[in-house]
């Protein structure tokens, strides 16, 4: 299934999108990767959705990626005797470990690790930042606060702690169970919530044991601060703007988004921009102009993928939301300004032979009449490096690994084709020509670029660049063995 765009679309599945018919329709409308949110749904429901995705993939003969998003630790206050209270600006309010129902003066916060990390002057945000508290005094089992921004506080509302690194592991007991379940199920990507440090990612990787690629969600100030170390040990990044916009001033989020996207691209690791991209389409068949502009901005910045959450999981118009994203992407990528921005932000990294090969492929493709770059890859690295270059021509990733093809469904501009085992370079060129023709990327009279590593099926050996005809007779007559 050929897309007329390079950026990928991630659609979250949920109550509004759990049937075969809907999942198939979402993929046909433009969804390249499906997100399974482990915060909602039982293991049985997750397994059923996974099976349906794989059936759609088989029926349409189209590679689909699956991303399982772990919940992460949830910090919440306890319950109130009256169900809710109104906190007034300037009032005193205590958080403690006392096992009593809350009042207008106090409530339980059953997380001793928070009290262990707090210091006077720190801020606590309740209910997605609608209520802001400043810590005046604290101990191992309490925090006396002043209400800076008042509002209604009610049972089990979430708490954010933006000013300190919490001594909490990114993986709760629930997350560990979910991780093992989805890794055995066969998901392609594992999204890790509450990442504050590189060690959080390393721990998840050890538990995953190579069964899925690790994608770190940047949603806390500590994650932004330690981003370089987190990026180094991650396979991909999600800019999760929901909590990030709660814990940081909202005006800080756009420059952070732009900076993280550029760092991911330089590292040749896919990056997703997520949260509230088409929020109004949960209830409306049409997005706001601001939402369309937000989606377009993420595309102009060069992100690998853009994501729908509640819009496709629980909204009334999931297909319309995917279609809107698809149409915006096509329009943006056809804009000459998009090409100018993408090429101006290209980084010149030439550390390895593979870096040089993919850079040369892009330059040749853009200065001659080349229809596509066909890269042979076993681990996916060559395709990632090629995508980093953001070439103007399509990227066809040829691999003998279904696992690799599904992971690359998240990567900018890649169309994956499954090949058999290869022994000779001529065979690789013939397969590339056939893939380019059958996919509608080239005619027999056209030329393509082929990159590969010899010996084949050995990760990290990209060492050949070949301009090849799409006519197999010419390949057999002119190509060396």
Protein backbone atom coordinates (compact mmCIF):
# COMPACT_ATOMS: atom_id res chain seq x y z
CA UNK A 1 0.00 0.00 0.00
CA UNK A 2 1.77 3.12 -1.22
CA UNK A 3 1.43 6.33 0.78
CA UNK A 4 1.71 9.72 -0.91
CA UNK A 5 3.64 11.13 2.07
CA UNK A 6 6.77 10.42 4.08
CA UNK A 7 5.73 11.19 7.66
CA UNK A 8 4.05 8.22 9.37
CA UNK A 9 0.76 8.20 11.26
CA UNK A 10 0.26 6.41 14.59
CA UNK A 11 -3.34 5.71 15.62
CA UNK A 12 -4.33 4.60 19.12
CA UNK A 13 -6.88 1.79 19.35
CA UNK A 14 -9.67 1.73 21.90
CA UNK A 15 -13.42 1.30 22.31
CA UNK A 16 -14.13 3.27 19.12
CA UNK A 17 -11.63 1.30 17.05
CA UNK A 18 -11.45 -2.31 18.15
CA UNK A 19 -13.25 -4.17 15.35
CA UNK A 20 -11.64 -5.71 12.27
CA UNK A 21 -13.63 -3.41 9.98
CA UNK A 22 -12.56 -0.25 11.80
CA UNK A 23 -8.88 -1.21 12.14
CA UNK A 24 -8.74 -2.10 8.46
CA UNK A 25 -10.45 1.18 7.54
CA UNK A 26 -7.98 3.15 9.68
CA UNK A 27 -5.02 1.50 7.98
CA UNK A 28 -6.49 2.13 4.54
CA UNK A 29 -7.13 5.76 5.53
CA UNK A 30 -3.48 6.22 6.45
CA UNK A 31 -2.54 4.69 9.82
CA UNK A 32 0.92 3.06 9.54
CA UNK A 33 1.36 2.06 13.19
CA UNK A 34 -1.25 1.15 15.80
CA UNK A 35 -0.78 2.05 19.46
CA UNK A 36 -2.06 -0.25 22.19
CA UNK A 37 -2.51 1.80 25.37
CA UNK A 38 -1.76 -0.42 28.36
CA UNK A 39 -3.49 2.07 30.68
CA UNK A 40 -6.81 0.86 29.29
CA UNK A 41 -8.04 -2.62 28.45
CA UNK A 42 -7.35 -6.09 29.79
CA UNK A 43 -4.68 -8.41 28.45
CA UNK A 44 -7.40 -10.34 26.64
CA UNK A 45 -8.59 -7.17 24.88
CA UNK A 46 -5.02 -6.17 23.98
CA UNK A 47 -4.35 -9.65 22.56
CA UNK A 48 -7.55 -9.50 20.49
CA UNK A 49 -6.59 -6.13 18.97
CA UNK A 50 -3.08 -7.41 18.24
CA UNK A 51 -4.51 -10.42 16.42
CA UNK A 52 -6.85 -8.24 14.36
CA UNK A 53 -3.97 -5.97 13.29
CA UNK A 54 -1.97 -8.96 12.14
CA UNK A 55 -4.98 -10.27 10.22
CA UNK A 56 -5.42 -6.90 8.49
CA UNK A 57 -1.72 -6.92 7.69
CA UNK A 58 -2.05 -10.34 6.09
CA UNK A 59 -5.26 -9.56 4.19
CA UNK A 60 -3.89 -6.32 2.73
CA UNK A 61 -0.32 -7.60 2.28
CA UNK A 62 0.86 -4.42 4.00
CA UNK A 63 3.43 -4.14 6.80
CA UNK A 64 1.96 -2.63 9.98
CA UNK A 65 3.84 -1.65 13.14
CA UNK A 66 2.40 -2.18 16.63
CA UNK A 67 3.38 0.06 19.57
CA UNK A 68 2.50 -0.97 23.14
CA UNK A 69 2.49 2.04 25.47
CA UNK A 70 3.17 1.20 29.13
CA UNK A 71 1.24 3.15 31.75
CA UNK A 72 4.12 4.07 34.07
CA UNK A 73 3.71 4.93 37.76
CA UNK A 74 0.61 6.99 38.48
CA UNK A 75 0.83 9.51 41.32
CA UNK A 76 -2.58 10.37 42.75
CA UNK A 77 -4.07 11.92 45.89
CA UNK A 78 -6.45 9.90 48.06
CA UNK A 79 -10.20 10.41 48.53
CA UNK A 80 -12.17 13.23 50.16
CA UNK A 81 -14.95 12.87 52.71
CA UNK A 82 -17.16 15.08 50.53
CA UNK A 83 -15.87 13.72 47.22
CA UNK A 84 -14.32 17.09 46.36
CA UNK A 85 -13.22 20.40 47.88
CA UNK A 86 -12.60 23.92 46.61
CA UNK A 87 -9.06 25.17 47.27
CA UNK A 88 -8.70 28.95 47.48
CA UNK A 89 -5.61 30.86 46.42
CA UNK A 90 -3.43 31.71 49.41
CA UNK A 91 -4.90 29.01 51.67
CA UNK A 92 -2.80 26.40 53.48
CA UNK A 93 -3.12 22.78 52.38
CA UNK A 94 -1.32 19.69 53.65
CA UNK A 95 -0.43 16.46 51.86
CA UNK A 96 0.45 13.55 54.11
CA UNK A 97 0.51 9.77 54.57
CA UNK A 98 -2.36 9.74 57.09
CA UNK A 99 -4.95 7.12 56.20
CA UNK A 100 -7.96 9.42 56.61
CA UNK A 101 -10.40 10.93 54.16
CA UNK A 102 -9.46 14.38 52.90
CA UNK A 103 -10.92 17.79 53.74
CA UNK A 104 -10.46 21.37 52.63
CA UNK A 105 -7.26 21.44 54.74
CA UNK A 106 -5.51 18.18 53.79
CA UNK A 107 -5.54 14.95 51.80
CA UNK A 108 -3.56 11.74 51.66
CA UNK A 109 -0.75 11.43 49.11
CA UNK A 110 0.17 7.72 49.37
CA UNK A 111 3.64 8.09 47.86
CA UNK A 112 6.40 8.33 50.51
CA UNK A 113 8.97 8.56 47.72
CA UNK A 114 7.58 12.00 46.84
CA UNK A 115 8.05 13.29 50.38
CA UNK A 116 11.58 11.90 50.40
CA UNK A 117 12.45 14.00 47.35
CA UNK A 118 10.61 17.26 48.13
CA UNK A 119 12.27 20.43 49.32
CA UNK A 120 10.78 23.76 50.41
CA UNK A 121 10.03 25.88 47.36
CA UNK A 122 9.12 22.93 45.15
CA UNK A 123 5.79 22.95 43.34
CA UNK A 124 3.12 20.26 43.14
CA UNK A 125 0.59 20.24 40.31
CA UNK A 126 -2.79 18.56 40.75
CA UNK A 127 -5.39 17.64 38.13
CA UNK A 128 -3.27 18.29 35.03
CA UNK A 129 -1.85 21.49 36.50
CA UNK A 130 -5.20 23.15 37.17
CA UNK A 131 -4.20 23.39 40.86
CA UNK A 132 -0.70 24.56 41.81
CA UNK A 133 0.74 24.13 45.31
CA UNK A 134 4.01 25.50 46.69
CA UNK A 135 5.81 23.49 49.38
CA UNK A 136 6.57 25.63 52.44
CA UNK A 137 7.76 22.86 54.77
CA UNK A 138 8.10 19.12 54.40
CA UNK A 139 9.23 15.94 56.07
CA UNK A 140 9.27 12.21 55.43
CA UNK A 141 5.49 11.96 55.76
CA UNK A 142 4.06 15.41 55.03
CA UNK A 143 4.25 18.54 52.91
CA UNK A 144 2.70 21.81 54.09
CA UNK A 145 1.80 23.87 51.05
CA UNK A 146 0.35 27.20 50.01
CA UNK A 147 -2.28 27.19 47.27
CA UNK A 148 -0.84 29.26 44.40
CA UNK A 149 -3.61 28.46 41.92
CA UNK A 150 -6.91 27.32 43.37
CA UNK A 151 -9.67 25.17 42.01
CA UNK A 152 -11.70 22.04 42.59
CA UNK A 153 -9.76 19.03 43.89
CA UNK A 154 -11.50 15.67 43.97
CA UNK A 155 -10.88 11.97 44.53
CA UNK A 156 -7.72 10.38 43.09
CA UNK A 157 -6.65 13.29 40.94
CA UNK A 158 -3.19 13.01 39.43
CA UNK A 159 -0.16 14.77 40.89
CA UNK A 160 2.85 16.07 38.97
CA UNK A 161 6.14 16.98 40.62
CA UNK A 162 8.08 19.05 38.07
CA UNK A 163 10.91 20.45 40.19
CA UNK A 164 12.63 17.29 41.40
CA UNK A 165 13.83 13.94 40.07
CA UNK A 166 11.67 11.41 41.87
CA UNK A 167 13.27 8.22 43.22
CA UNK A 168 10.76 6.18 41.25
CA UNK A 169 11.47 3.50 38.68
CA UNK A 170 9.81 4.06 35.30
CA UNK A 171 8.38 0.54 35.53
CA UNK A 172 5.73 -0.24 38.13
CA UNK A 173 4.74 -3.82 38.99
CA UNK A 174 1.87 -3.48 36.53
CA UNK A 175 4.27 -2.26 33.85
CA UNK A 176 6.57 -5.23 34.36
CA UNK A 177 3.68 -7.63 33.90
CA UNK A 178 2.43 -5.72 30.87
CA UNK A 179 5.93 -5.60 29.36
CA UNK A 180 6.35 -9.35 29.54
CA UNK A 181 2.86 -9.91 28.14
CA UNK A 182 3.20 -7.64 25.07
CA UNK A 183 6.80 -8.70 24.40
CA UNK A 184 5.67 -12.32 24.21
CA UNK A 185 2.62 -11.26 22.19
CA UNK A 186 4.96 -9.85 19.56
CA UNK A 187 4.63 -6.06 19.52
CA UNK A 188 7.26 -4.14 17.56
CA UNK A 189 7.75 -1.11 19.78
CA UNK A 190 7.53 -0.64 23.53
CA UNK A 191 6.82 2.93 24.72
CA UNK A 192 8.24 3.63 28.17
CA UNK A 193 6.48 6.24 30.31
CA UNK A 194 7.90 8.40 33.13
CA UNK A 195 11.47 8.28 31.79
CA UNK A 196 13.71 10.48 33.95
CA UNK A 197 17.14 8.98 33.35
CA UNK A 198 18.98 6.62 31.00
CA UNK A 199 18.89 3.85 33.62
CA UNK A 200 15.09 3.67 33.25
CA UNK A 201 15.54 2.70 29.59
CA UNK A 202 18.37 0.28 30.32
CA UNK A 203 16.19 -1.55 32.86
CA UNK A 204 13.34 -1.90 30.35
CA UNK A 205 15.74 -3.13 27.67
CA UNK A 206 17.08 -5.84 29.97
CA UNK A 207 13.55 -7.05 30.66
CA UNK A 208 12.56 -6.86 27.00
CA UNK A 209 15.51 -9.01 25.85
CA UNK A 210 15.42 -7.76 22.27
CA UNK A 211 11.82 -8.77 21.64
CA UNK A 212 10.76 -5.17 20.89
CA UNK A 213 12.43 -1.83 20.21
CA UNK A 214 12.37 0.67 23.09
CA UNK A 215 10.78 4.08 22.59
CA UNK A 216 11.27 6.58 25.44
CA UNK A 217 8.51 9.08 26.19
CA UNK A 218 9.83 12.52 27.09
CA UNK A 219 7.14 13.92 29.35
CA UNK A 220 9.03 15.23 32.40
CA UNK A 221 11.53 18.08 32.88
CA UNK A 222 14.05 15.54 34.19
CA UNK A 223 13.73 13.64 30.90
CA UNK A 224 14.40 16.81 28.93
CA UNK A 225 17.44 17.58 31.08
CA UNK A 226 18.89 14.08 30.63
CA UNK A 227 17.78 13.78 27.01
CA UNK A 228 21.17 13.14 25.43
CA UNK A 229 21.82 10.15 27.72
CA UNK A 230 18.26 8.86 27.24
CA UNK A 231 18.50 9.16 23.45
CA UNK A 232 21.75 7.23 23.36
CA UNK A 233 20.20 4.13 24.97
CA UNK A 234 16.79 4.37 23.23
CA UNK A 235 15.69 3.12 19.82
CA UNK A 236 13.21 5.96 19.38
CA UNK A 237 11.61 8.92 21.16
CA UNK A 238 8.09 10.19 21.76
CA UNK A 239 7.63 13.89 22.51
CA UNK A 240 4.68 13.39 24.89
CA UNK A 241 3.43 16.94 25.15
CA UNK A 242 0.61 16.23 27.62
CA UNK A 243 2.50 15.94 30.90
CA UNK A 244 5.35 18.00 29.47
CA UNK A 245 2.96 20.92 29.03
CA UNK A 246 1.70 20.45 32.57
CA UNK A 247 5.07 20.33 34.29
CA UNK A 248 6.69 23.09 32.22
CA UNK A 249 5.37 26.50 31.18
CA UNK A 250 3.39 25.88 28.00
CA UNK A 251 5.53 28.34 26.03
CA UNK A 252 8.56 26.10 26.68
CA UNK A 253 7.09 23.09 24.88
CA UNK A 254 7.38 24.21 21.21
CA UNK A 255 11.14 24.94 21.32
CA UNK A 256 11.73 21.71 23.25
CA UNK A 257 9.75 19.81 20.60
CA UNK A 258 11.82 21.34 17.81
CA UNK A 259 15.12 20.64 19.61
CA UNK A 260 14.28 17.01 20.39
CA UNK A 261 13.16 16.30 16.83
CA UNK A 262 16.44 17.61 15.45
CA UNK A 263 18.52 15.60 17.92
CA UNK A 264 16.62 12.42 17.06
CA UNK A 265 17.09 13.00 13.36
CA UNK A 266 20.83 13.59 13.82
CA UNK A 267 21.02 10.30 15.73
CA UNK A 268 19.00 8.49 13.01
CA UNK A 269 16.35 7.44 15.54
CA UNK A 270 12.61 7.84 14.86
CA UNK A 271 10.66 10.46 16.81
CA UNK A 272 6.90 10.73 17.33
CA UNK A 273 5.10 13.97 18.17
CA UNK A 274 2.07 13.14 20.31
CA UNK A 275 -0.84 14.49 22.39
CA UNK A 276 -3.78 16.72 21.49
CA UNK A 277 -2.91 16.99 17.81
CA UNK A 278 -6.54 16.90 16.65
CA UNK A 279 -8.26 16.98 20.04
CA UNK A 280 -11.46 18.63 18.82
CA UNK A 281 -12.05 15.72 16.43
CA UNK A 282 -12.99 13.54 19.40
CA UNK A 283 -16.41 15.16 19.06
CA UNK A 284 -16.26 17.04 15.74
CA UNK A 285 -15.77 15.79 12.17
CA UNK A 286 -13.68 18.90 11.46
CA UNK A 287 -10.49 20.03 13.24
CA UNK A 288 -9.72 23.58 14.30
CA UNK A 289 -7.34 25.68 12.20
CA UNK A 290 -4.92 25.75 15.13
CA UNK A 291 -4.85 21.95 15.28
CA UNK A 292 -4.12 21.67 11.58
CA UNK A 293 -1.31 24.18 12.03
CA UNK A 294 0.06 22.13 14.95
CA UNK A 295 0.12 18.95 12.86
CA UNK A 296 1.74 20.82 9.99
CA UNK A 297 4.41 22.26 12.29
CA UNK A 298 5.46 18.80 13.47
CA UNK A 299 5.77 17.72 9.83
CA UNK A 300 7.73 20.81 8.82
CA UNK A 301 10.11 20.13 11.71
CA UNK A 302 10.91 16.72 10.23
CA UNK A 303 9.30 14.36 12.74
CA UNK A 304 9.11 10.71 11.71
CA UNK A 305 5.55 10.24 12.93
CA UNK A 306 2.54 12.10 14.29
CA UNK A 307 0.11 10.44 16.66
CA UNK A 308 -3.60 10.32 17.42
CA UNK A 309 -4.69 9.35 20.94
CA UNK A 310 -8.31 9.71 22.06
CA UNK A 311 -9.22 10.97 18.58
CA UNK A 312 -8.95 7.43 17.19
CA UNK A 313 -9.35 5.43 20.42
CA UNK A 314 -12.54 6.88 21.83
CA UNK A 315 -13.66 9.65 19.49
CA UNK A 316 -16.70 9.76 17.28
CA UNK A 317 -14.72 10.31 14.07
CA UNK A 318 -11.60 8.09 14.07
CA UNK A 319 -11.43 7.59 10.29
CA UNK A 320 -11.94 11.31 9.66
CA UNK A 321 -9.10 12.09 12.11
CA UNK A 322 -6.67 9.79 10.30
CA UNK A 323 -7.80 11.11 6.92
CA UNK A 324 -7.25 14.68 8.09
CA UNK A 325 -3.71 13.89 9.24
CA UNK A 326 -3.01 12.13 5.96
CA UNK A 327 -4.29 15.07 3.90
CA UNK A 328 -2.37 17.65 5.93
CA UNK A 329 0.83 15.62 5.51
CA UNK A 330 0.40 15.34 1.74
CA UNK A 331 -0.21 19.07 1.42
CA UNK A 332 2.72 20.08 3.65
CA UNK A 333 5.19 17.76 1.95
CA UNK A 334 4.22 19.11 -1.47
CA UNK A 335 5.10 22.64 -0.32
CA UNK A 336 8.52 23.80 -1.64
CA UNK A 337 9.09 25.46 1.74
CA UNK A 338 8.97 22.03 3.37
CA UNK A 339 11.85 20.82 1.20
CA UNK A 340 13.82 23.98 1.97
CA UNK A 341 13.35 23.56 5.74
CA UNK A 342 14.19 19.86 5.73
CA UNK A 343 17.33 20.31 3.65
CA UNK A 344 18.50 23.32 5.66
CA UNK A 345 18.27 21.26 8.85
CA UNK A 346 20.26 18.34 7.46
CA UNK A 347 23.30 17.47 9.58
CA UNK A 348 26.55 16.46 7.88
CA UNK A 349 27.57 13.37 9.80
CA UNK A 350 30.18 11.21 8.08
CA UNK A 351 31.55 9.03 10.86
CA UNK A 352 31.32 5.64 9.12
CA UNK A 353 31.36 4.10 5.65
CA UNK A 354 27.60 3.58 5.94
CA UNK A 355 27.11 7.31 6.68
CA UNK A 356 29.06 8.16 3.55
CA UNK A 357 27.20 5.64 1.41
CA UNK A 358 23.72 6.92 2.34
CA UNK A 359 24.78 10.57 1.99
CA UNK A 360 26.19 9.84 -1.47
CA UNK A 361 23.00 7.99 -2.42
CA UNK A 362 20.91 10.99 -1.48
CA UNK A 363 23.15 13.42 -3.37
CA UNK A 364 23.17 11.26 -6.51
CA UNK A 365 19.40 10.76 -6.35
CA UNK A 366 18.79 14.49 -6.11
CA UNK A 367 21.16 15.51 -8.90
CA UNK A 368 20.23 12.84 -11.46
CA UNK A 369 17.05 11.18 -12.65
CA UNK A 370 16.84 8.49 -9.97
CA UNK A 371 13.36 7.25 -9.03
CA UNK A 372 14.04 5.53 -5.69
CA UNK A 373 16.72 4.48 -3.21
CA UNK A 374 16.55 0.75 -2.46
CA UNK A 375 18.51 -0.14 0.65
CA UNK A 376 19.09 -3.71 1.80
CA UNK A 377 19.03 -3.94 5.58
CA UNK A 378 18.87 -6.80 8.06
CA UNK A 379 18.74 -4.81 11.32
CA UNK A 380 17.14 -1.66 9.90
CA UNK A 381 20.16 0.58 10.52
CA UNK A 382 20.84 1.35 6.85
CA UNK A 383 17.20 2.37 6.34
CA UNK A 384 17.37 4.62 9.42
CA UNK A 385 20.54 6.28 8.13
CA UNK A 386 18.95 6.76 4.71
CA UNK A 387 15.82 8.27 6.27
CA UNK A 388 18.00 10.66 8.29
CA UNK A 389 19.11 12.17 4.98
CA UNK A 390 15.45 12.93 4.10
CA UNK A 391 15.98 12.32 0.34
CA UNK A 392 13.54 13.72 -2.20
CA UNK A 393 12.97 10.28 -3.72
CA UNK A 394 11.20 7.30 -2.08
CA UNK A 395 13.11 4.92 0.21
CA UNK A 396 12.44 1.21 -0.36
CA UNK A 397 13.81 -0.81 2.55
CA UNK A 398 14.54 -4.38 1.46
CA UNK A 399 14.84 -6.85 4.32
CA UNK A 400 14.50 -10.57 4.96
CA UNK A 401 13.23 -9.83 8.49
CA UNK A 402 9.52 -9.25 9.09
CA UNK A 403 10.48 -7.94 12.54
CA UNK A 404 12.72 -5.28 11.00
CA UNK A 405 10.10 -4.31 8.42
CA UNK A 406 7.45 -3.79 11.10
CA UNK A 407 9.76 -1.64 13.23
CA UNK A 408 10.60 0.50 10.20
CA UNK A 409 6.88 1.26 9.76
CA UNK A 410 7.57 4.10 12.22
CA UNK A 411 10.44 5.60 10.21
CA UNK A 412 10.10 8.58 7.88
CA UNK A 413 9.70 7.77 4.20
CA UNK A 414 10.39 4.03 4.33
CA UNK A 415 8.40 1.51 2.34
CA UNK A 416 9.40 -2.00 3.42
CA UNK A 417 9.58 -5.02 1.14
CA UNK A 418 10.26 -8.52 2.48
CA UNK A 419 12.90 -10.41 0.50
CA UNK A 420 14.33 -13.89 0.72
CA UNK A 421 17.89 -14.76 1.68
CA UNK A 422 20.42 -13.23 -0.70
CA UNK A 423 23.82 -14.59 -1.68
CA UNK A 424 24.87 -12.43 -4.66
CA UNK A 425 24.72 -8.69 -5.25
CA UNK A 426 23.20 -9.17 -8.72
CA UNK A 427 20.29 -10.97 -7.08
CA UNK A 428 19.84 -8.00 -4.75
CA UNK A 429 19.75 -5.54 -7.65
CA UNK A 430 17.15 -7.64 -9.50
CA UNK A 431 14.97 -7.80 -6.38
CA UNK A 432 15.28 -4.04 -5.90
CA UNK A 433 14.26 -3.37 -9.52
CA UNK A 434 11.25 -5.64 -9.18
CA UNK A 435 10.18 -3.93 -5.93
CA UNK A 436 10.50 -0.48 -7.48
CA UNK A 437 8.41 -1.49 -10.50
CA UNK A 438 5.72 -3.42 -8.63
CA UNK A 439 5.33 -0.63 -6.08
CA UNK A 440 4.76 1.92 -8.80
CA UNK A 441 7.93 3.83 -8.01
CA UNK A 442 9.68 3.26 -11.36
CA UNK A 443 9.22 2.05 -14.92
CA UNK A 444 11.53 -0.40 -16.75
CA UNK A 445 13.21 2.56 -18.50
CA UNK A 446 14.05 4.26 -15.18
CA UNK A 447 17.04 3.99 -12.87
CA UNK A 448 17.25 3.35 -9.14
CA UNK A 449 19.99 3.43 -6.52
CA UNK A 450 20.82 0.25 -4.61
CA UNK A 451 22.77 0.20 -1.34
CA UNK A 452 23.78 -3.02 0.37
CA UNK A 453 26.39 -4.66 2.52
CA UNK A 454 28.51 -7.58 1.41
CA UNK A 455 28.58 -10.15 2.90
CA UNK A 456 24.78 -10.11 3.09
CA UNK A 457 22.72 -10.48 6.27
CA UNK A 458 25.50 -9.04 8.43
CA UNK A 459 24.42 -5.90 10.32
CA UNK A 460 26.61 -2.83 9.91
CA UNK A 461 28.31 -3.79 6.63
CA UNK A 462 26.78 -1.28 4.18
CA UNK A 463 29.60 -0.84 1.68
CA UNK A 464 28.13 -0.82 -1.86
CA UNK A 465 26.30 1.86 -3.82
CA UNK A 466 25.07 1.00 -7.33
CA UNK A 467 23.08 2.95 -9.92
CA UNK A 468 20.97 0.26 -11.58
CA UNK A 469 18.42 0.05 -14.39
CA UNK A 470 14.92 -1.18 -13.63
CA UNK A 471 15.02 -3.46 -16.66
CA UNK A 472 16.13 -6.92 -15.47
CA UNK A 473 17.57 -7.80 -18.87
CA UNK A 474 20.02 -4.90 -18.58
CA UNK A 475 20.97 -5.98 -15.06
CA UNK A 476 21.76 -9.54 -16.14
CA UNK A 477 23.73 -8.31 -19.15
CA UNK A 478 25.81 -5.66 -17.38
CA UNK A 479 26.01 -6.37 -13.66
CA UNK A 480 28.98 -8.28 -12.23
CA UNK A 481 28.32 -11.29 -10.07
